[in-house]
Protein backbone atom coordinates (compact mmCIF):
# COMPACT_ATOMS: atom_id res chain seq x y z
CA UNK A 1 42.01 63.45 10.95
CA UNK A 2 43.07 66.57 9.05
CA UNK A 3 41.12 67.81 6.05
CA UNK A 4 44.05 67.06 3.74
CA UNK A 5 44.36 63.50 5.03
CA UNK A 6 40.60 63.01 4.70
CA UNK A 7 40.67 64.20 1.09
CA UNK A 8 43.70 62.01 0.31
CA UNK A 9 41.93 58.97 1.78
CA UNK A 10 38.80 59.64 -0.29
CA UNK A 11 40.89 59.94 -3.47
CA UNK A 12 42.66 56.68 -2.68
CA UNK A 13 39.36 54.87 -2.05
CA UNK A 14 37.84 56.22 -5.29
CA UNK A 15 40.94 55.15 -7.26
CA UNK A 16 40.78 51.68 -5.72
CA UNK A 17 37.08 51.32 -6.59
CA UNK A 18 37.74 52.39 -10.18
CA UNK A 19 40.55 49.86 -10.48
CA UNK A 20 38.40 47.05 -9.09
CA UNK A 21 35.57 48.02 -11.45
CA UNK A 22 37.91 48.03 -14.44
CA UNK A 23 39.30 44.61 -13.54
CA UNK A 24 35.77 43.23 -13.12
CA UNK A 25 34.67 44.62 -16.48
CA UNK A 26 37.71 43.13 -18.21
CA UNK A 27 37.22 39.75 -16.55
CA UNK A 28 33.53 39.61 -17.41
CA UNK A 29 34.04 40.23 -21.15
CA UNK A 30 37.00 38.20 -22.39
CA UNK A 31 35.20 36.99 -25.49
CA UNK A 32 34.26 40.54 -26.52
CA UNK A 33 37.89 41.62 -26.39
CA UNK A 34 38.91 38.50 -28.30
CA UNK A 35 36.20 39.08 -30.88
CA UNK A 36 37.31 42.65 -31.49
CA UNK A 37 40.87 41.49 -32.03
CA UNK A 38 39.76 38.75 -34.38
CA UNK A 39 37.53 41.05 -36.39
CA UNK A 40 40.30 43.59 -36.78
CA UNK A 41 42.67 40.92 -38.08
CA UNK A 42 40.14 39.59 -40.59
CA UNK A 43 39.58 36.20 -38.96
CA UNK A 44 35.80 36.23 -39.29
CA UNK A 45 36.21 36.97 -43.00
CA UNK A 46 38.47 33.94 -43.37
CA UNK A 47 36.57 31.41 -41.27
CA UNK A 48 36.21 28.18 -43.27
CA UNK A 49 32.99 26.23 -42.95
CA UNK A 50 32.92 23.03 -40.92
CA UNK A 51 30.17 20.69 -39.82
CA UNK A 52 31.25 20.07 -36.22
CA UNK A 53 28.60 17.39 -35.57
CA UNK A 54 28.54 15.60 -38.94
CA UNK A 55 30.72 14.33 -41.81
CA UNK A 56 33.55 12.94 -39.67
CA UNK A 57 34.51 16.31 -38.16
CA UNK A 58 38.21 16.81 -37.39
CA UNK A 59 39.53 18.09 -34.08
CA UNK A 60 39.34 21.81 -34.72
CA UNK A 61 42.12 22.85 -32.35
CA UNK A 62 44.36 20.40 -34.22
CA UNK A 63 43.41 22.12 -37.49
CA UNK A 64 44.14 25.51 -35.90
CA UNK A 65 47.60 24.40 -34.82
CA UNK A 66 48.45 22.82 -38.18
CA UNK A 67 47.03 25.50 -40.50
CA UNK A 68 47.23 28.82 -38.67
CA UNK A 69 43.49 29.45 -39.08
CA UNK A 70 41.85 31.05 -36.04
CA UNK A 71 38.10 30.96 -36.69
CA UNK A 72 35.55 28.54 -38.11
CA UNK A 73 32.08 28.98 -39.55
CA UNK A 74 29.99 26.33 -37.77
CA UNK A 75 27.31 24.79 -40.00
CA UNK A 76 24.36 24.66 -39.89
CA UNK A 77 21.50 25.85 -37.69
CA UNK A 78 18.08 25.05 -39.20
CA UNK A 79 14.48 24.77 -37.95
CA UNK A 80 13.28 21.68 -36.11
CA UNK A 81 9.53 22.12 -36.23
CA UNK A 82 8.09 25.61 -36.07
CA UNK A 83 10.57 28.25 -34.99
CA UNK A 84 12.86 25.92 -33.02
CA UNK A 85 16.55 26.29 -33.98
CA UNK A 86 18.60 23.10 -34.14
CA UNK A 87 22.05 21.92 -35.21
CA UNK A 88 22.41 19.50 -38.11
CA UNK A 89 24.16 16.30 -36.98
CA UNK A 90 24.85 12.86 -38.40
CA UNK A 91 22.01 11.46 -36.32
CA UNK A 92 19.43 14.16 -37.06
CA UNK A 93 18.68 17.52 -35.47
CA UNK A 94 19.90 18.66 -32.06
CA UNK A 95 17.86 21.52 -30.58
CA UNK A 96 20.05 24.46 -29.61
CA UNK A 97 18.12 25.02 -26.38
CA UNK A 98 19.13 21.61 -25.00
CA UNK A 99 22.44 21.21 -26.82
CA UNK A 100 25.45 20.09 -24.78
CA UNK A 101 27.84 19.27 -27.64
CA UNK A 102 28.59 22.61 -29.24
CA UNK A 103 29.49 24.53 -26.09
CA UNK A 104 32.65 22.49 -25.38
CA UNK A 105 33.71 22.71 -29.04
CA UNK A 106 33.34 26.50 -29.07
CA UNK A 107 35.08 26.84 -25.71
CA UNK A 108 38.04 24.77 -26.94
CA UNK A 109 38.42 26.99 -30.03
CA UNK A 110 38.33 30.11 -27.87
CA UNK A 111 40.77 28.65 -25.36
CA UNK A 112 43.17 28.12 -28.30
CA UNK A 113 42.93 31.83 -29.16
CA UNK A 114 40.19 31.65 -31.79
CA UNK A 115 36.48 32.24 -32.20
CA UNK A 116 33.49 31.06 -34.24
CA UNK A 117 30.87 32.23 -36.71
CA UNK A 118 27.53 30.41 -36.52
CA UNK A 119 25.85 29.84 -39.88
CA UNK A 120 22.09 29.65 -40.39
CA UNK A 121 20.70 27.81 -43.38
CA UNK A 122 22.70 25.75 -45.82
CA UNK A 123 21.35 23.50 -48.53
CA UNK A 124 19.34 20.92 -46.58
CA UNK A 125 16.48 21.05 -44.11
CA UNK A 126 13.84 23.66 -43.29
CA UNK A 127 15.21 27.11 -42.48
CA UNK A 128 14.20 29.47 -39.70
CA UNK A 129 13.15 32.13 -42.21
CA UNK A 130 10.73 29.65 -43.75
CA UNK A 131 9.07 28.58 -40.49
CA UNK A 132 9.35 31.46 -38.01
CA UNK A 133 6.72 33.58 -39.75
CA UNK A 134 8.09 37.10 -39.25
CA UNK A 135 11.44 38.88 -39.11
CA UNK A 136 10.84 39.52 -35.40
CA UNK A 137 10.19 35.85 -34.61
CA UNK A 138 13.20 34.80 -36.68
CA UNK A 139 15.39 37.32 -34.86
CA UNK A 140 14.15 36.11 -31.46
CA UNK A 141 15.12 32.52 -32.29
CA UNK A 142 18.54 33.62 -33.51
CA UNK A 143 19.12 35.98 -30.58
CA UNK A 144 18.70 33.00 -28.23
CA UNK A 145 21.63 31.35 -30.03
CA UNK A 146 23.76 34.49 -29.73
CA UNK A 147 23.03 34.53 -26.01
CA UNK A 148 23.68 30.83 -25.44
CA UNK A 149 27.13 30.81 -27.05
CA UNK A 150 28.10 34.48 -26.50
CA UNK A 151 28.44 34.96 -30.26
CA UNK A 152 30.00 37.91 -32.05
CA UNK A 153 29.62 36.71 -35.65
CA UNK A 154 26.84 35.21 -37.78
CA UNK A 155 26.53 33.93 -41.33
CA UNK A 156 23.25 33.65 -43.23
CA UNK A 157 23.79 30.94 -45.85
CA UNK A 158 20.68 31.48 -47.95
CA UNK A 159 20.18 28.61 -50.37
CA UNK A 160 17.39 26.68 -52.05
CA UNK A 161 14.52 26.26 -51.46
CA UNK A 162 14.45 29.20 -49.02
CA UNK A 163 16.40 31.27 -51.52
CA UNK A 164 13.43 31.25 -53.90
CA UNK A 165 10.90 32.16 -51.18
CA UNK A 166 10.62 35.95 -51.05
CA UNK A 167 8.82 35.94 -47.69
CA UNK A 168 11.42 33.67 -46.10
CA UNK A 169 14.26 35.81 -47.41
CA UNK A 170 12.60 38.94 -46.06
CA UNK A 171 12.33 37.21 -42.69
CA UNK A 172 16.05 36.36 -42.77
CA UNK A 173 17.22 39.79 -43.88
CA UNK A 174 14.84 41.55 -41.51
CA UNK A 175 16.06 39.38 -38.64
CA UNK A 176 19.67 40.08 -39.55
CA UNK A 177 18.95 43.80 -39.46
CA UNK A 178 17.25 43.51 -36.05
CA UNK A 179 20.17 41.53 -34.66
CA UNK A 180 22.63 44.04 -36.11
CA UNK A 181 20.80 46.87 -34.34
CA UNK A 182 20.43 45.02 -31.03
CA UNK A 183 24.00 43.67 -30.88
CA UNK A 184 26.43 46.52 -31.63
CA UNK A 185 29.54 45.30 -33.43
CA UNK A 186 27.93 41.99 -34.47
CA UNK A 187 29.62 40.61 -37.63
CA UNK A 188 27.18 39.43 -40.32
CA UNK A 189 27.82 37.84 -43.69
CA UNK A 190 25.18 37.01 -46.30
CA UNK A 191 26.14 34.01 -48.45
CA UNK A 192 24.21 33.23 -51.63
CA UNK A 193 24.55 31.00 -54.70
CA UNK A 194 26.75 32.28 -57.48
CA UNK A 195 26.38 31.98 -61.24
CA UNK A 196 28.80 32.59 -64.08
CA UNK A 197 27.08 36.00 -64.35
CA UNK A 198 27.67 36.77 -60.68
CA UNK A 199 24.30 35.80 -59.29
CA UNK A 200 20.90 35.07 -60.78
CA UNK A 201 17.32 36.27 -60.52
CA UNK A 202 16.82 35.28 -56.90
CA UNK A 203 20.16 36.76 -55.90
CA UNK A 204 19.16 40.08 -57.43
CA UNK A 205 15.78 39.84 -55.70
CA UNK A 206 17.57 39.33 -52.37
CA UNK A 207 19.81 42.36 -52.93
CA UNK A 208 16.80 44.49 -53.85
CA UNK A 209 15.08 43.37 -50.65
CA UNK A 210 18.13 44.32 -48.57
CA UNK A 211 18.24 47.72 -50.27
CA UNK A 212 14.56 48.36 -49.50
CA UNK A 213 15.23 47.52 -45.83
CA UNK A 214 18.29 49.75 -45.71
CA UNK A 215 20.25 46.73 -44.48
CA UNK A 216 24.00 46.47 -45.15
CA UNK A 217 25.87 43.42 -43.80
CA UNK A 218 29.64 43.13 -43.46
CA UNK A 219 29.65 41.41 -46.84
CA UNK A 220 27.66 39.64 -49.53
CA UNK A 221 29.52 36.48 -50.56
CA UNK A 222 28.72 34.35 -53.59
CA UNK A 223 29.39 30.64 -53.98
CA UNK A 224 30.78 30.32 -57.51
CA UNK A 225 30.60 26.56 -57.94
CA UNK A 226 27.98 23.97 -58.96
CA UNK A 227 26.91 25.89 -62.04
CA UNK A 228 29.22 25.61 -65.04
CA UNK A 229 32.45 26.70 -63.37
CA UNK A 230 35.91 25.39 -64.10
CA UNK A 231 38.99 26.60 -62.28
CA UNK A 232 40.02 29.95 -60.86
CA UNK A 233 39.40 32.10 -63.92
CA UNK A 234 35.70 31.23 -64.01
CA UNK A 235 35.35 32.20 -60.34
CA UNK A 236 37.20 35.47 -60.85
CA UNK A 237 34.93 36.32 -63.79
CA UNK A 238 31.91 35.69 -61.56
CA UNK A 239 33.33 37.92 -58.82
CA UNK A 240 33.89 40.72 -61.33
CA UNK A 241 30.32 40.37 -62.61
CA UNK A 242 28.94 40.33 -59.07
CA UNK A 243 30.91 43.49 -58.35
CA UNK A 244 29.02 45.19 -61.17
CA UNK A 245 25.72 43.92 -59.77
CA UNK A 246 26.53 45.38 -56.35
CA UNK A 247 27.52 48.69 -57.95
CA UNK A 248 24.30 48.91 -59.93
CA UNK A 249 22.08 47.83 -57.04
CA UNK A 250 23.46 50.03 -54.28
CA UNK A 251 25.06 52.86 -56.26
CA UNK A 252 28.50 51.96 -54.97
CA UNK A 253 31.84 52.53 -56.67
CA UNK A 254 33.72 49.43 -57.74
CA UNK A 255 36.07 49.74 -54.76
CA UNK A 256 33.19 50.10 -52.30
CA UNK A 257 31.43 47.12 -53.86
CA UNK A 258 34.56 44.97 -53.56
CA UNK A 259 34.85 46.05 -49.91
CA UNK A 260 31.39 44.51 -49.36
CA UNK A 261 31.97 41.43 -51.53
CA UNK A 262 33.18 37.95 -50.70
CA UNK A 263 33.64 34.45 -52.04
CA UNK A 264 32.85 31.08 -50.53
CA UNK A 265 34.45 28.41 -52.69
CA UNK A 266 34.47 24.59 -52.57
CA UNK A 267 37.65 22.55 -52.45
CA UNK A 268 38.40 19.64 -54.73
CA UNK A 269 35.48 18.00 -56.52
CA UNK A 270 32.15 19.82 -56.34
CA UNK A 271 28.65 18.36 -56.43
CA UNK A 272 28.51 18.87 -60.21
CA UNK A 273 31.98 17.40 -60.87
CA UNK A 274 33.83 20.69 -61.19
CA UNK A 275 37.37 20.70 -59.77
CA UNK A 276 39.14 23.38 -57.77
CA UNK A 277 42.72 22.65 -56.80
CA UNK A 278 45.12 24.29 -54.40
CA UNK A 279 46.51 26.35 -57.29
CA UNK A 280 42.99 27.63 -58.04
CA UNK A 281 42.58 28.76 -54.45
CA UNK A 282 45.93 30.58 -54.59
CA UNK A 283 44.98 32.34 -57.84
CA UNK A 284 41.63 33.46 -56.44
CA UNK A 285 43.34 34.58 -53.22
CA UNK A 286 45.62 36.87 -55.24
CA UNK A 287 42.60 38.41 -56.96
CA UNK A 288 40.78 38.83 -53.64
CA UNK A 289 43.76 40.52 -52.02
CA UNK A 290 44.59 42.73 -55.01
CA UNK A 291 41.00 44.00 -55.21
CA UNK A 292 40.48 44.20 -51.43
CA UNK A 293 37.46 41.92 -51.21
CA UNK A 294 35.95 41.53 -47.75
CA UNK A 295 35.74 37.75 -47.38
CA UNK A 296 37.50 34.60 -48.59
CA UNK A 297 36.31 31.26 -47.27
CA UNK A 298 35.26 27.80 -48.46
CA UNK A 299 33.28 24.62 -47.93
CA UNK A 300 34.58 22.69 -46.03
CA UNK A 301 37.20 21.71 -43.45
CA UNK A 302 35.55 18.28 -43.24
CA UNK A 303 36.66 17.78 -46.86
CA UNK A 304 40.19 19.17 -46.46
CA UNK A 305 41.77 15.71 -46.51
CA UNK A 306 42.85 13.36 -49.25
CA UNK A 307 40.55 10.48 -50.11
CA UNK A 308 41.74 6.90 -50.48
CA UNK A 309 42.37 6.57 -53.40
CA UNK A 310 43.24 10.29 -53.89
CA UNK A 311 40.64 10.89 -56.61
CA UNK A 312 37.98 8.85 -54.75
CA UNK A 313 37.22 7.21 -58.12
CA UNK A 314 35.84 10.55 -59.29
CA UNK A 315 32.99 10.57 -56.77
CA UNK A 316 31.86 13.25 -54.33
CA UNK A 317 32.60 12.96 -50.62
CA UNK A 318 31.64 15.00 -47.59
CA UNK A 319 34.75 13.90 -45.71
CA UNK A 320 37.55 14.29 -48.28
CA UNK A 321 38.30 16.39 -51.36
CA UNK A 322 38.69 13.82 -54.15
CA UNK A 323 41.94 15.51 -55.28
CA UNK A 324 45.57 14.87 -54.28
CA UNK A 325 46.47 16.88 -51.21
CA UNK A 326 47.95 16.96 -47.73
CA UNK A 327 45.71 17.48 -44.73
CA UNK A 328 44.52 21.10 -44.38
CA UNK A 329 46.08 22.35 -47.66
CA UNK A 330 43.03 24.46 -48.47
CA UNK A 331 42.59 25.75 -44.93
CA UNK A 332 46.21 26.97 -44.95
CA UNK A 333 45.45 29.02 -48.06
CA UNK A 334 42.38 30.53 -46.41
CA UNK A 335 44.53 31.41 -43.39
CA UNK A 336 46.79 33.45 -45.68
CA UNK A 337 43.91 35.85 -46.23
CA UNK A 338 44.13 36.81 -42.57
CA UNK A 339 47.83 37.52 -42.81
CA UNK A 340 48.83 34.31 -41.08
CA UNK A 341 51.93 32.33 -41.90
CA UNK A 342 50.99 28.67 -41.55
CA UNK A 343 53.39 26.77 -39.30
CA UNK A 344 55.85 24.36 -40.86
CA UNK A 345 54.96 20.85 -39.78
CA UNK A 346 57.84 18.98 -38.14
CA UNK A 347 57.53 15.18 -38.24
CA UNK A 348 57.43 13.51 -34.86
CA UNK A 349 59.88 10.65 -34.16
CA UNK A 350 58.95 7.69 -36.31
CA UNK A 351 56.86 9.78 -38.68
CA UNK A 352 57.84 10.16 -42.33
CA UNK A 353 57.75 13.68 -43.71
CA UNK A 354 55.61 14.26 -46.80
CA UNK A 355 58.00 14.50 -49.77
CA UNK A 356 57.94 17.65 -51.82
CA UNK A 357 57.35 17.29 -55.56
CA UNK A 358 60.45 16.02 -57.29
CA UNK A 359 62.25 15.28 -54.02
CA UNK A 360 63.20 11.70 -54.76
CA UNK A 361 62.07 8.22 -55.74
CA UNK A 362 59.92 8.04 -58.85
CA UNK A 363 59.84 11.84 -59.00
CA UNK A 364 63.59 12.37 -58.86
CA UNK A 365 64.66 14.75 -61.61
CA UNK A 366 61.06 15.35 -62.79
CA UNK A 367 60.17 19.04 -63.06
CA UNK A 368 57.02 20.52 -61.55
CA UNK A 369 54.07 21.19 -63.87
CA UNK A 370 54.14 24.65 -65.43
CA UNK A 371 51.03 26.20 -66.95
CA UNK A 372 53.08 28.05 -69.59
CA UNK A 373 54.84 24.95 -70.98
CA UNK A 374 53.41 22.83 -73.79
CA UNK A 375 53.68 19.09 -73.13
CA UNK A 376 53.36 16.13 -75.48
CA UNK A 377 52.14 12.61 -74.84
CA UNK A 378 54.51 10.73 -72.52
CA UNK A 379 55.90 13.84 -70.76
CA UNK A 380 55.99 13.53 -66.97
CA UNK A 381 55.58 16.24 -64.34
CA UNK A 382 55.14 16.50 -60.60
CA UNK A 383 52.11 18.25 -59.15
CA UNK A 384 51.10 18.54 -55.49
CA UNK A 385 53.22 15.58 -54.43
CA UNK A 386 52.20 13.22 -57.26
CA UNK A 387 53.77 12.04 -60.52
CA UNK A 388 51.69 12.65 -63.66
CA UNK A 389 52.08 11.65 -67.35
CA UNK A 390 50.54 13.47 -70.32
CA UNK A 391 48.33 11.41 -72.65
CA UNK A 392 48.63 13.85 -75.54
CA UNK A 393 49.69 17.42 -76.37
CA UNK A 394 48.54 19.88 -73.74
CA UNK A 395 49.15 23.35 -72.40
CA UNK A 396 47.68 24.94 -69.24
CA UNK A 397 45.58 21.85 -68.41
CA UNK A 398 46.00 21.16 -64.68
CA UNK A 399 47.02 17.58 -63.76
CA UNK A 400 43.92 15.91 -62.38
CA UNK A 401 41.69 18.54 -63.96
CA UNK A 402 38.47 18.07 -65.86
CA UNK A 403 40.25 17.91 -69.25
CA UNK A 404 41.51 14.42 -68.39
CA UNK A 405 44.85 15.03 -70.11
CA UNK A 406 47.03 13.64 -67.34
CA UNK A 407 47.38 10.17 -65.82
CA UNK A 408 48.45 9.94 -62.18
CA UNK A 409 51.29 7.42 -61.89
CA UNK A 410 51.67 7.58 -58.11
CA UNK A 411 52.90 9.65 -55.21
CA UNK A 412 56.40 11.09 -55.00
């Protein structure tokens, strides 16, 4: 064999080995590539919460197809004795280490082109930060979950009573910082209660703790509901106030603070009988987009369905919204934050399409409600597929809202 041929053969072999290596690397990390694509298109920031093992969970790939949403925040992982992480389910707690239910759910979402955020905490149960003892122990428990499900995104939903426990919060924030350092590119959101002033004493204490650690997550999101809120304007006011708090705490400009700020809302009737309608979500979405906030999500997909009757007799439900709506109305609005255009549903043979307001029947010729028009008693309007009648003079009071001005006469 000539020298030239020998050199040519070596080059060819090296090129072949490089190609095989590249193919192997690509095949071994499909979820990492998918996660990077999702993160760059804002999906993790627009991942609505869902309890996949409780509260009559919907088929999540069906929701993806119908709404255009691509990621979900899976709730919640809590502690099941000591520092043992477990999923909340209808039947109790399911230890992550022995879990066989969540893997198939996550795999189905990924097979449909999406991904998940796993959320630690929530309102009920004992939290890992409360029982793991140290930031390092908390991080070790949470790292095991990252490894089990090949996660690329986490949410720390820090609520009462953990929220008021400075040691527990330090464990959570310290663990989040450890995980951030040990998992390059890991998405992390910190979600805390909101007040009409942005956030309260314990929220400020949490931010001060994060500052002392030098920890900066992808975003700090407040939950502006269950505390004297009413409609979109009250939530926007809270977001503006929280922006000031972030500026003052971290020395950020307003724009930088908004780039690290988020909102997690609640659809329909809240625990304290506040109401947030589809129109409220759209108004807040406009504010979020115009000010370039980092995150826009809500609680929860389990509730993104109409109750029977639509207002659920004014009571709270974990499986429906207690306001008039079509399935996945609120999730479709969240999907808009990611730049998605929700698909137009086409009725299957034998299925009746949902009429649009004023399309016919009792609603024929009735105009849609307009916030800038003054109505008097007896006036009728259509709103979100229902016919409403004013009881007395009103202006800017949403049909079905807390003011009680409107009577629902039926569906269109």
